PDB file of N, CA and C in Angstrom:
ATOM      1  N   MET A   1       0.853  -1.160   0.000  1.00  0.00           N
ATOM      2  CA  MET A   1       0.000   0.000   0.000  1.00  0.00           C
ATOM      3  C   MET A   1       0.902   1.228   0.000  1.00  0.00           C
ATOM      4  N   SER A   2       0.543   2.230  -0.750  1.00  0.00           N
ATOM      5  CA  SER A   2       1.386   3.402  -0.879  1.00  0.00           C
ATOM      6  C   SER A   2       1.142   4.379   0.272  1.00  0.00           C
ATOM      7  N   VAL A   3       2.057   5.312   0.442  1.00  0.00           N
ATOM      8  CA  VAL A   3       1.962   6.310   1.495  1.00  0.00           C
ATOM      9  C   VAL A   3       0.761   7.227   1.259  1.00  0.00           C
ATOM     10  N   GLU A   4       0.493   7.537   0.000  1.00  0.00           N
ATOM     11  CA  GLU A   4      -0.642   8.398  -0.310  1.00  0.00           C
ATOM     12  C   GLU A   4      -1.961   7.731   0.081  1.00  0.00           C
ATOM     13  N   ALA A   5      -2.052   6.432  -0.146  1.00  0.00           N
ATOM     14  CA  ALA A   5      -3.270   5.708   0.203  1.00  0.00           C
ATOM     15  C   ALA A   5      -3.471   5.685   1.710  1.00  0.00           C
ATOM     16  N   VAL A   6      -2.388   5.499   2.436  1.00  0.00           N
ATOM     17  CA  VAL A   6      -2.486   5.496   3.897  1.00  0.00           C
ATOM     18  C   VAL A   6      -2.847   6.892   4.397  1.00  0.00           C
ATOM     19  N   ALA A   7      -2.250   7.926   3.799  1.00  0.00           N
ATOM     20  CA  ALA A   7      -2.557   9.302   4.200  1.00  0.00           C
ATOM     21  C   ALA A   7      -4.015   9.631   3.908  1.00  0.00           C
ATOM     22  N   ALA A   8      -4.521   9.176   2.773  1.00  0.00           N
ATOM     23  CA  ALA A   8      -5.916   9.417   2.428  1.00  0.00           C
ATOM     24  C   ALA A   8      -6.841   8.684   3.395  1.00  0.00           C
ATOM     25  N   LEU A   9      -6.463   7.486   3.769  1.00  0.00           N
ATOM     26  CA  LEU A   9      -7.254   6.714   4.724  1.00  0.00           C
ATOM     27  C   LEU A   9      -7.281   7.415   6.076  1.00  0.00           C
ATOM     28  N   GLY A  10      -6.147   7.938   6.492  1.00  0.00           N
ATOM     29  CA  GLY A  10      -6.083   8.643   7.771  1.00  0.00           C
ATOM     30  C   GLY A  10      -6.919   9.900   7.767  1.00  0.00           C
ATOM     31  N   SER A  11      -6.921  10.640   6.675  1.00  0.00           N
ATOM     32  CA  SER A  11      -7.720  11.866   6.612  1.00  0.00           C
ATOM     33  C   SER A  11      -9.210  11.545   6.527  1.00  0.00           C
ATOM     34  N   ALA A  12      -9.548  10.433   5.892  1.00  0.00           N
ATOM     35  CA  ALA A  12     -10.952  10.054   5.792  1.00  0.00           C
ATOM     36  C   ALA A  12     -11.498   9.629   7.149  1.00  0.00           C
ATOM     37  N   LEU A  13     -10.663   9.007   7.958  1.00  0.00           N
ATOM     38  CA  LEU A  13     -11.108   8.558   9.277  1.00  0.00           C
ATOM     39  C   LEU A  13     -10.845   9.594  10.358  1.00  0.00           C
ATOM     40  N   SER A  14     -10.231  10.703   9.989  1.00  0.00           N
ATOM     41  CA  SER A  14      -9.850  11.787  10.907  1.00  0.00           C
ATOM     42  C   SER A  14      -9.067  11.269  12.100  1.00  0.00           C
ATOM     43  N   VAL A  15      -8.024  10.506  11.789  1.00  0.00           N
ATOM     44  CA  VAL A  15      -7.133   9.976  12.814  1.00  0.00           C
ATOM     45  C   VAL A  15      -6.079  11.023  13.102  1.00  0.00           C
ATOM     46  N   SER A  16      -5.889  11.329  14.382  1.00  0.00           N
ATOM     47  CA  SER A  16      -4.886  12.324  14.733  1.00  0.00           C
ATOM     48  C   SER A  16      -3.502  11.693  14.721  1.00  0.00           C
ATOM     49  N   PRO A  17      -2.473  12.483  14.406  1.00  0.00           N
ATOM     50  CA  PRO A  17      -1.123  11.938  14.397  1.00  0.00           C
ATOM     51  C   PRO A  17      -0.671  11.619  15.810  1.00  0.00           C
ATOM     52  N   PRO A  18       0.283  10.700  15.958  1.00  0.00           N
ATOM     53  CA  PRO A  18       0.753  10.354  17.304  1.00  0.00           C
ATOM     54  C   PRO A  18       1.437  11.552  17.950  1.00  0.00           C
ATOM     55  N   LEU A  19       1.334  11.612  19.264  1.00  0.00           N
ATOM     56  CA  LEU A  19       1.944  12.699  20.010  1.00  0.00           C
ATOM     57  C   LEU A  19       3.448  12.503  20.106  1.00  0.00           C
ATOM     58  N   ALA A  20       4.172  13.599  20.039  1.00  0.00           N
ATOM     59  CA  ALA A  20       5.618  13.532  20.207  1.00  0.00           C
ATOM     60  C   ALA A  20       5.934  13.372  21.688  1.00  0.00           C
ATOM     61  N   VAL A  21       6.851  12.495  21.993  1.00  0.00           N
ATOM     62  CA  VAL A  21       7.211  12.232  23.380  1.00  0.00           C
ATOM     63  C   VAL A  21       8.658  12.616  23.580  1.00  0.00           C
ATOM     64  N   ASP A  22       8.902  13.405  24.589  1.00  0.00           N
ATOM     65  CA  ASP A  22      10.257  13.770  24.953  1.00  0.00           C
ATOM     66  C   ASP A  22      10.928  12.546  25.570  1.00  0.00           C
ATOM     67  N   PRO A  23      12.096  12.115  25.086  1.00  0.00           N
ATOM     68  CA  PRO A  23      12.725  10.910  25.632  1.00  0.00           C
ATOM     69  C   PRO A  23      13.053  11.027  27.106  1.00  0.00           C
ATOM     70  N   GLU A  24      13.274  12.237  27.613  1.00  0.00           N
ATOM     71  CA  GLU A  24      13.583  12.393  29.026  1.00  0.00           C
ATOM     72  C   GLU A  24      12.356  12.168  29.896  1.00  0.00           C
ATOM     73  N   LEU A  25      11.168  12.384  29.317  1.00  0.00           N
ATOM     74  CA  LEU A  25       9.941  12.223  30.080  1.00  0.00           C
ATOM     75  C   LEU A  25       9.331  10.835  29.929  1.00  0.00           C
ATOM     76  N   ALA A  26       9.879  10.010  29.079  1.00  0.00           N
ATOM     77  CA  ALA A  26       9.333   8.681  28.853  1.00  0.00           C
ATOM     78  C   ALA A  26       9.500   7.845  30.107  1.00  0.00           C
ATOM     79  N   VAL A  27       8.467   7.060  30.418  1.00  0.00           N
ATOM     80  CA  VAL A  27       8.509   6.211  31.599  1.00  0.00           C
ATOM     81  C   VAL A  27       8.459   4.765  31.169  1.00  0.00           C
ATOM     82  N   GLY A  28       8.930   3.926  32.033  1.00  0.00           N
ATOM     83  CA  GLY A  28       8.928   2.499  31.759  1.00  0.00           C
ATOM     84  C   GLY A  28       7.540   1.918  31.935  1.00  0.00           C
ATOM     85  N   PRO A  29       7.357   0.635  31.617  1.00  0.00           N
ATOM     86  CA  PRO A  29       6.045   0.002  31.711  1.00  0.00           C
ATOM     87  C   PRO A  29       5.538  -0.086  33.144  1.00  0.00           C
ATOM     88  N   ALA A  30       6.423  -0.139  34.135  1.00  0.00           N
ATOM     89  CA  ALA A  30       5.971  -0.247  35.520  1.00  0.00           C
ATOM     90  C   ALA A  30       5.304   1.042  35.972  1.00  0.00           C
ATOM     91  N   LEU A  31       5.772   2.172  35.497  1.00  0.00           N
ATOM     92  CA  LEU A  31       5.200   3.445  35.915  1.00  0.00           C
ATOM     93  C   LEU A  31       4.005   3.842  35.067  1.00  0.00           C
ATOM     94  N   THR A  32       3.890   3.311  33.880  1.00  0.00           N
ATOM     95  CA  THR A  32       2.796   3.665  32.999  1.00  0.00           C
ATOM     96  C   THR A  32       1.464   3.177  33.561  1.00  0.00           C
ATOM     97  N   SER A  33       1.431   2.013  34.185  1.00  0.00           N
ATOM     98  CA  SER A  33       0.184   1.478  34.702  1.00  0.00           C
ATOM     99  C   SER A  33      -0.302   2.258  35.918  1.00  0.00           C
ATOM    100  N   ALA A  34       0.556   3.002  36.597  1.00  0.00           N
ATOM    101  CA  ALA A  34       0.151   3.760  37.775  1.00  0.00           C
ATOM    102  C   ALA A  34      -0.463   5.105  37.401  1.00  0.00           C
ATOM    103  N   ALA A  35      -0.346   5.526  36.165  1.00  0.00           N
ATOM    104  CA  ALA A  35      -0.851   6.836  35.761  1.00  0.00           C
ATOM    105  C   ALA A  35      -2.367   6.962  35.933  1.00  0.00           C
ATOM    106  N   PRO A  36      -3.192   5.989  35.519  1.00  0.00           N
ATOM    107  CA  PRO A  36      -4.633   6.140  35.733  1.00  0.00           C
ATOM    108  C   PRO A  36      -5.003   6.195  37.213  1.00  0.00           C
ATOM    109  N   ALA A  37      -4.325   5.426  38.051  1.00  0.00           N
ATOM    110  CA  ALA A  37      -4.616   5.458  39.480  1.00  0.00           C
ATOM    111  C   ALA A  37      -4.254   6.817  40.055  1.00  0.00           C
ATOM    112  N   ASP A  38      -3.132   7.380  39.601  1.00  0.00           N
ATOM    113  CA  ASP A  38      -2.725   8.693  40.076  1.00  0.00           C
ATOM    114  C   ASP A  38      -3.722   9.747  39.626  1.00  0.00           C
ATOM    115  N   SER A  39      -4.214   9.627  38.410  1.00  0.00           N
ATOM    116  CA  SER A  39      -5.201  10.566  37.895  1.00  0.00           C
ATOM    117  C   SER A  39      -6.502  10.472  38.686  1.00  0.00           C
ATOM    118  N   ALA A  40      -6.924   9.262  39.003  1.00  0.00           N
ATOM    119  CA  ALA A  40      -8.140   9.076  39.795  1.00  0.00           C
ATOM    120  C   ALA A  40      -7.960   9.644  41.192  1.00  0.00           C
ATOM    121  N   PHE A  41      -6.782   9.449  41.759  1.00  0.00           N
ATOM    122  CA  PHE A  41      -6.510   9.985  43.095  1.00  0.00           C
ATOM    123  C   PHE A  41      -6.514  11.505  43.065  1.00  0.00           C
ATOM    124  N   GLN A  42      -5.942  12.100  42.018  1.00  0.00           N
ATOM    125  CA  GLN A  42      -5.929  13.554  41.900  1.00  0.00           C
ATOM    126  C   GLN A  42      -7.347  14.110  41.744  1.00  0.00           C
ATOM    127  N   SER A  43      -8.189  13.418  40.989  1.00  0.00           N
ATOM    128  CA  SER A  43      -9.564  13.888  40.834  1.00  0.00           C
ATOM    129  C   SER A  43     -10.336  13.753  42.143  1.00  0.00           C
ATOM    130  N   LEU A  44     -10.042  12.705  42.905  1.00  0.00           N
ATOM    131  CA  LEU A  44     -10.673  12.534  44.212  1.00  0.00           C
ATOM    132  C   LEU A  44     -10.233  13.636  45.167  1.00  0.00           C
ATOM    133  N   LEU A  45      -8.950  13.965  45.152  1.00  0.00           N
ATOM    134  CA  LEU A  45      -8.456  15.052  45.997  1.00  0.00           C
ATOM    135  C   LEU A  45      -9.073  16.390  45.587  1.00  0.00           C
ATOM    136  N   GLY A  46      -9.224  16.601  44.292  1.00  0.00           N
ATOM    137  CA  GLY A  46      -9.867  17.827  43.815  1.00  0.00           C
ATOM    138  C   GLY A  46     -11.308  17.932  44.288  1.00  0.00           C
ATOM    139  N   ALA A  47     -12.026  16.810  44.250  1.00  0.00           N
ATOM    140  CA  ALA A  47     -13.412  16.802  44.714  1.00  0.00           C
ATOM    141  C   ALA A  47     -13.483  17.058  46.214  1.00  0.00           C
ATOM    142  N   LEU A  48     -12.542  16.503  46.963  1.00  0.00           N
ATOM    143  CA  LEU A  48     -12.516  16.739  48.410  1.00  0.00           C
ATOM    144  C   LEU A  48     -12.193  18.191  48.724  1.00  0.00           C
ATOM    145  N   ASN A  49     -11.280  18.783  47.972  1.00  0.00           N
ATOM    146  CA  ASN A  49     -10.974  20.200  48.177  1.00  0.00           C
ATOM    147  C   ASN A  49     -12.183  21.074  47.846  1.00  0.00           C
ATOM    148  N   GLN A  50     -12.908  20.718  46.796  1.00  0.00           N
ATOM    149  CA  GLN A  50     -14.111  21.462  46.435  1.00  0.00           C
ATOM    150  C   GLN A  50     -15.164  21.326  47.531  1.00  0.00           C
ATOM    151  N   LEU A  51     -15.328  20.122  48.067  1.00  0.00           N
ATOM    152  CA  LEU A  51     -16.281  19.901  49.143  1.00  0.00           C
ATOM    153  C   LEU A  51     -15.892  20.713  50.374  1.00  0.00           C
ATOM    154  N   ASN A  52     -14.600  20.751  50.692  1.00  0.00           N
ATOM    155  CA  ASN A  52     -14.137  21.530  51.829  1.00  0.00           C
ATOM    156  C   ASN A  52     -14.466  23.010  51.641  1.00  0.00           C
ATOM    157  N   GLY A  53     -14.264  23.520  50.441  1.00  0.00           N
ATOM    158  CA  GLY A  53     -14.610  24.907  50.159  1.00  0.00           C
ATOM    159  C   GLY A  53     -16.100  25.164  50.309  1.00  0.00           C
ATOM    160  N   GLU A  54     -16.921  24.225  49.827  1.00  0.00           N
ATOM    161  CA  GLU A  54     -18.365  24.371  49.953  1.00  0.00           C
ATOM    162  C   GLU A  54     -18.802  24.302  51.408  1.00  0.00           C
ATOM    163  N   LEU A  55     -18.171  23.434  52.206  1.00  0.00           N
ATOM    164  CA  LEU A  55     -18.496  23.354  53.629  1.00  0.00           C
ATOM    165  C   LEU A  55     -18.130  24.645  54.345  1.00  0.00           C
ATOM    166  N   ASN A  56     -16.987  25.213  54.005  1.00  0.00           N
ATOM    167  CA  ASN A  56     -16.588  26.484  54.610  1.00  0.00           C
ATOM    168  C   ASN A  56     -17.557  27.599  54.222  1.00  0.00           C
ATOM    169  N   ALA A  57     -17.967  27.625  52.949  1.00  0.00           N
ATOM    170  CA  ALA A  57     -18.928  28.637  52.505  1.00  0.00           C
ATOM    171  C   ALA A  57     -20.273  28.432  53.196  1.00  0.00           C
ATOM    172  N   GLY A  58     -20.678  27.184  53.386  1.00  0.00           N
ATOM    173  CA  GLY A  58     -21.927  26.897  54.089  1.00  0.00           C
ATOM    174  C   GLY A  58     -21.875  27.330  55.542  1.00  0.00           C
ATOM    175  N   GLU A  59     -20.717  27.127  56.163  1.00  0.00           N
ATOM    176  CA  GLU A  59     -20.560  27.554  57.556  1.00  0.00           C
ATOM    177  C   GLU A  59     -20.634  29.080  57.667  1.00  0.00           C
ATOM    178  N   GLN A  60     -20.026  29.768  56.719  1.00  0.00           N
ATOM    179  CA  GLN A  60     -20.095  31.231  56.719  1.00  0.00           C
ATOM    180  C   GLN A  60     -21.524  31.709  56.466  1.00  0.00           C
ATOM    181  N   ALA A  61     -22.233  31.038  55.568  1.00  0.00           N
ATOM    182  CA  ALA A  61     -23.622  31.412  55.293  1.00  0.00           C
ATOM    183  C   ALA A  61     -24.492  31.163  56.521  1.00  0.00           C
ATOM    184  N   LEU A  62     -24.233  30.076  57.236  1.00  0.00           N
ATOM    185  CA  LEU A  62     -24.986  29.771  58.447  1.00  0.00           C
ATOM    186  C   LEU A  62     -24.713  30.807  59.526  1.00  0.00           C
ATOM    187  N   THR A  63     -23.464  31.216  59.664  1.00  0.00           N
ATOM    188  CA  THR A  63     -23.115  32.253  60.630  1.00  0.00           C
ATOM    189  C   THR A  63     -23.777  33.578  60.269  1.00  0.00           C
ATOM    190  N   ALA A  64     -23.769  33.915  58.986  1.00  0.00           N
ATOM    191  CA  ALA A  64     -24.413  35.151  58.543  1.00  0.00           C
ATOM    192  C   ALA A  64     -25.921  35.095  58.768  1.00  0.00           C
ATOM    193  N   MET A  65     -26.518  33.917  58.566  1.00  0.00           N
ATOM    194  CA  MET A  65     -27.949  33.772  58.765  1.00  0.00           C
ATOM    195  C   MET A  65     -28.293  33.892  60.253  1.00  0.00           C
ATOM    196  N   ALA A  66     -27.466  33.310  61.107  1.00  0.00           N
ATOM    197  CA  ALA A  66     -27.721  33.372  62.544  1.00  0.00           C
ATOM    198  C   ALA A  66     -27.570  34.793  63.081  1.00  0.00           C
ATOM    199  N   SER A  67     -26.662  35.564  62.495  1.00  0.00           N
ATOM    200  CA  SER A  67     -26.467  36.934  62.957  1.00  0.00           C
ATOM    201  C   SER A  67     -27.422  37.912  62.292  1.00  0.00           C
ATOM    202  N   GLY A  68     -28.199  37.469  61.302  1.00  0.00           N
ATOM    203  CA  GLY A  68     -29.184  38.319  60.650  1.00  0.00           C
ATOM    204  C   GLY A  68     -28.614  39.157  59.523  1.00  0.00           C
ATOM    205  N   ASN A  69     -27.455  38.796  59.009  1.00  0.00           N
ATOM    206  CA  ASN A  69     -26.816  39.552  57.927  1.00  0.00           C
ATOM    207  C   ASN A  69     -27.115  38.972  56.552  1.00  0.00           C
ATOM    208  N   VAL A  70     -28.290  38.381  56.386  1.00  0.00           N
ATOM    209  CA  VAL A  70     -28.649  37.740  55.124  1.00  0.00           C
ATOM    210  C   VAL A  70     -29.701  38.580  54.412  1.00  0.00           C
ATOM    211  N   ASP A  71     -29.438  38.888  53.152  1.00  0.00           N
ATOM    212  CA  ASP A  71     -30.406  39.633  52.354  1.00  0.00           C
ATOM    213  C   ASP A  71     -31.456  38.708  51.755  1.00  0.00           C
ATOM    214  N   ASN A  72     -31.022  37.541  51.298  1.00  0.00           N
ATOM    215  CA  ASN A  72     -31.918  36.617  50.622  1.00  0.00           C
ATOM    216  C   ASN A  72     -31.867  35.281  51.352  1.00  0.00           C
ATOM    217  N   LEU A  73     -32.823  35.015  52.184  1.00  0.00           N
ATOM    218  CA  LEU A  73     -32.867  33.789  52.966  1.00  0.00           C
ATOM    219  C   LEU A  73     -33.002  32.562  52.068  1.00  0.00           C
ATOM    220  N   HIS A  74     -33.760  32.708  50.983  1.00  0.00           N
ATOM    221  CA  HIS A  74     -33.974  31.592  50.062  1.00  0.00           C
ATOM    222  C   HIS A  74     -32.652  31.106  49.464  1.00  0.00           C
ATOM    223  N   GLN A  75     -31.808  32.030  48.996  1.00  0.00           N
ATOM    224  CA  GLN A  75     -30.517  31.650  48.418  1.00  0.00           C
ATOM    225  C   GLN A  75     -29.609  31.003  49.457  1.00  0.00           C
ATOM    226  N   SER A  76     -29.646  31.510  50.669  1.00  0.00           N
ATOM    227  CA  SER A  76     -28.819  30.936  51.736  1.00  0.00           C
ATOM    228  C   SER A  76     -29.241  29.507  52.040  1.00  0.00           C
ATOM    229  N   MET A  77     -30.550  29.272  52.110  1.00  0.00           N
ATOM    230  CA  MET A  77     -31.034  27.920  52.391  1.00  0.00           C
ATOM    231  C   MET A  77     -30.729  26.971  51.238  1.00  0.00           C
ATOM    232  N   MET A  78     -30.798  27.464  50.013  1.00  0.00           N
ATOM    233  CA  MET A  78     -30.446  26.619  48.862  1.00  0.00           C
ATOM    234  C   MET A  78     -28.969  26.256  48.909  1.00  0.00           C
ATOM    235  N   GLY A  79     -28.120  27.197  49.282  1.00  0.00           N
ATOM    236  CA  GLY A  79     -26.690  26.908  49.400  1.00  0.00           C
ATOM    237  C   GLY A  79     -26.409  25.889  50.483  1.00  0.00           C
ATOM    238  N   LEU A  80     -27.086  26.015  51.627  1.00  0.00           N
ATOM    239  CA  LEU A  80     -26.904  25.052  52.712  1.00  0.00           C
ATOM    240  C   LEU A  80     -27.401  23.660  52.309  1.00  0.00           C
ATOM    241  N   GLU A  81     -28.493  23.599  51.570  1.00  0.00           N
ATOM    242  CA  GLU A  81     -29.008  22.306  51.103  1.00  0.00           C
ATOM    243  C   GLU A  81     -28.047  21.665  50.105  1.00  0.00           C
ATOM    244  N   LYS A  82     -27.442  22.481  49.257  1.00  0.00           N
ATOM    245  CA  LYS A  82     -26.454  21.961  48.305  1.00  0.00           C
ATOM    246  C   LYS A  82     -25.262  21.360  49.046  1.00  0.00           C
ATOM    247  N   VAL A  83     -24.810  22.036  50.085  1.00  0.00           N
ATOM    248  CA  VAL A  83     -23.691  21.514  50.884  1.00  0.00           C
ATOM    249  C   VAL A  83     -24.090  20.204  51.553  1.00  0.00           C
ATOM    250  N   ARG A  84     -25.317  20.135  52.081  1.00  0.00           N
ATOM    251  CA  ARG A  84     -25.781  18.915  52.737  1.00  0.00           C
ATOM    252  C   ARG A  84     -25.838  17.749  51.757  1.00  0.00           C
ATOM    253  N   LEU A  85     -26.340  17.988  50.560  1.00  0.00           N
ATOM    254  CA  LEU A  85     -26.432  16.924  49.561  1.00  0.00           C
ATOM    255  C   LEU A  85     -25.043  16.483  49.084  1.00  0.00           C
ATOM    256  N   THR A  86     -24.133  17.431  48.954  1.00  0.00           N
ATOM    257  CA  THR A  86     -22.769  17.087  48.539  1.00  0.00           C
ATOM    258  C   THR A  86     -22.098  16.227  49.592  1.00  0.00           C
ATOM    259  N   LEU A  87     -22.296  16.565  50.854  1.00  0.00           N
ATOM    260  CA  LEU A  87     -21.707  15.773  51.932  1.00  0.00           C
ATOM    261  C   LEU A  87     -22.319  14.378  51.984  1.00  0.00           C
ATOM    262  N   GLN A  88     -23.620  14.274  51.764  1.00  0.00           N
ATOM    263  CA  GLN A  88     -24.257  12.958  51.725  1.00  0.00           C
ATOM    264  C   GLN A  88     -23.713  12.109  50.582  1.00  0.00           C
ATOM    265  N   LEU A  89     -23.486  12.743  49.424  1.00  0.00           N
ATOM    266  CA  LEU A  89     -22.913  12.013  48.295  1.00  0.00           C
ATOM    267  C   LEU A  89     -21.520  11.508  48.632  1.00  0.00           C
ATOM    268  N   LEU A  90     -20.715  12.345  49.272  1.00  0.00           N
ATOM    269  CA  LEU A  90     -19.375  11.931  49.668  1.00  0.00           C
ATOM    270  C   LEU A  90     -19.441  10.747  50.623  1.00  0.00           C
ATOM    271  N   LEU A  91     -20.347  10.790  51.576  1.00  0.00           N
ATOM    272  CA  LEU A  91     -20.464   9.690  52.532  1.00  0.00           C
ATOM    273  C   LEU A  91     -20.921   8.402  51.850  1.00  0.00           C
ATOM    274  N   GLN A  92     -21.794   8.505  50.862  1.00  0.00           N
ATOM    275  CA  GLN A  92     -22.228   7.320  50.120  1.00  0.00           C
ATOM    276  C   GLN A  92     -21.083   6.722  49.304  1.00  0.00           C
ATOM    277  N   VAL A  93     -20.288   7.585  48.667  1.00  0.00           N
ATOM    278  CA  VAL A  93     -19.141   7.099  47.885  1.00  0.00           C
ATOM    279  C   VAL A  93     -18.144   6.428  48.821  1.00  0.00           C
ATOM    280  N   ARG A  94     -17.909   7.041  49.979  1.00  0.00           N
ATOM    281  CA  ARG A  94     -16.996   6.454  50.969  1.00  0.00           C
ATOM    282  C   ARG A  94     -17.501   5.089  51.416  1.00  0.00           C
ATOM    283  N   SER A  95     -18.787   4.993  51.673  1.00  0.00           N
ATOM    284  CA  SER A  95     -19.372   3.734  52.112  1.00  0.00           C
ATOM    285  C   SER A  95     -19.221   2.657  51.041  1.00  0.00           C
ATOM    286  N   ARG A  96     -19.473   3.012  49.786  1.00  0.00           N
ATOM    287  CA  ARG A  96     -19.332   2.034  48.695  1.00  0.00           C
ATOM    288  C   ARG A  96     -17.880   1.606  48.516  1.00  0.00           C
ATOM    289  N   ALA A  97     -16.956   2.553  48.657  1.00  0.00           N
ATOM    290  CA  ALA A  97     -15.535   2.215  48.516  1.00  0.00           C
ATOM    291  C   ALA A  97     -15.100   1.280  49.636  1.00  0.00           C
ATOM    292  N   LEU A  98     -15.557   1.526  50.853  1.00  0.00           N
ATOM    293  CA  LEU A  98     -15.214   0.636  51.965  1.00  0.00           C
ATOM    294  C   LEU A  98     -15.824  -0.750  51.776  1.00  0.00           C
ATOM    295  N   ASP A  99     -17.052  -0.811  51.284  1.00  0.00           N
ATOM    296  CA  ASP A  99     -17.673  -2.108  51.013  1.00  0.00           C
ATOM    297  C   ASP A  99     -16.895  -2.878  49.955  1.00  0.00           C
ATOM    298  N   ALA A 100     -16.454  -2.185  48.912  1.00  0.00           N
ATOM    299  CA  ALA A 100     -15.675  -2.846  47.865  1.00  0.00           C
ATOM    300  C   ALA A 100     -14.345  -3.334  48.412  1.00  0.00           C
ATOM    301  N   TYR A 101     -13.704  -2.535  49.247  1.00  0.00           N
ATOM    302  CA  TYR A 101     -12.425  -2.942  49.849  1.00  0.00           C
ATOM    303  C   TYR A 101     -12.619  -4.163  50.737  1.00  0.00           C
ATOM    304  N   GLN A 102     -13.666  -4.155  51.546  1.00  0.00           N
ATOM    305  CA  GLN A 102     -13.911  -5.297  52.420  1.00  0.00           C
ATOM    306  C   GLN A 102     -14.217  -6.549  51.615  1.00  0.00           C
ATOM    307  N   GLU A 103     -14.919  -6.400  50.507  1.00  0.00           N
ATOM    308  CA  GLU A 103     -15.202  -7.546  49.640  1.00  0.00           C
ATOM    309  C   GLU A 103     -13.919  -8.107  49.041  1.00  0.00           C
ATOM    310  N   LEU A 104     -13.014  -7.222  48.646  1.00  0.00           N
ATOM    311  CA  LEU A 104     -11.720  -7.686  48.125  1.00  0.00           C
ATOM    312  C   LEU A 104     -10.914  -8.396  49.193  1.00  0.00           C
ATOM    313  N   MET A 105     -10.982  -7.934  50.412  1.00  0.00           N
ATOM    314  CA  MET A 105     -10.233  -8.567  51.492  1.00  0.00           C
ATOM    315  C   MET A 105     -10.802  -9.936  51.849  1.00  0.00           C
ATOM    316  N   ARG A 106     -12.076 -10.159  51.608  1.00  0.00           N
ATOM    317  CA  ARG A 106     -12.685 -11.455  51.893  1.00  0.00           C
ATOM    318  C   ARG A 106     -12.379 -12.500  50.828  1.00  0.00           C
ATOM    319  N   MET A 107     -11.934 -12.043  49.649  1.00  0.00           N
ATOM    320  CA  MET A 107     -11.639 -13.002  48.577  1.00  0.00           C
ATOM    321  C   MET A 107     -10.434 -13.852  48.937  1.00  0.00           C
ATOM    322  N   GLN A 108     -10.530 -15.107  48.569  1.00  0.00           N
ATOM    323  CA  GLN A 108      -9.409 -16.007  48.803  1.00  0.00           C
ATOM    324  C   GLN A 108      -8.560 -16.098  47.562  1.00  0.00           C
ATOM    325  N   ILE A 109      -7.290 -16.163  47.791  1.00  0.00           N
ATOM    326  CA  ILE A 109      -6.345 -16.220  46.670  1.00  0.00           C
ATOM    327  C   ILE A 109      -6.100 -17.636  46.259  1.00  0.00           C
TER     328      ILE A 109
END
């Protein structure tokens, strides 16, 4: 097959060219498999940081509501409910992760 035919096939399928890799940044096969786990851990940490920020904002809104410094009570209550639902979701994810871990520990090798 000629180069032109392959190039035409690639353009017809809209295949992107391979990415250039810096040889200094190339990792071996042992480190390549850890990349998705690291990415998942980073996304989990990002979600926890976001939850922490929302909890802090909810605490400030609650303090403002208790002191009477709230202009719109409806918006404050919606924000507090959002924080409550986010925390419940986090607790459910934690519970499912612990259940999965315990199930793995019960498996026999």
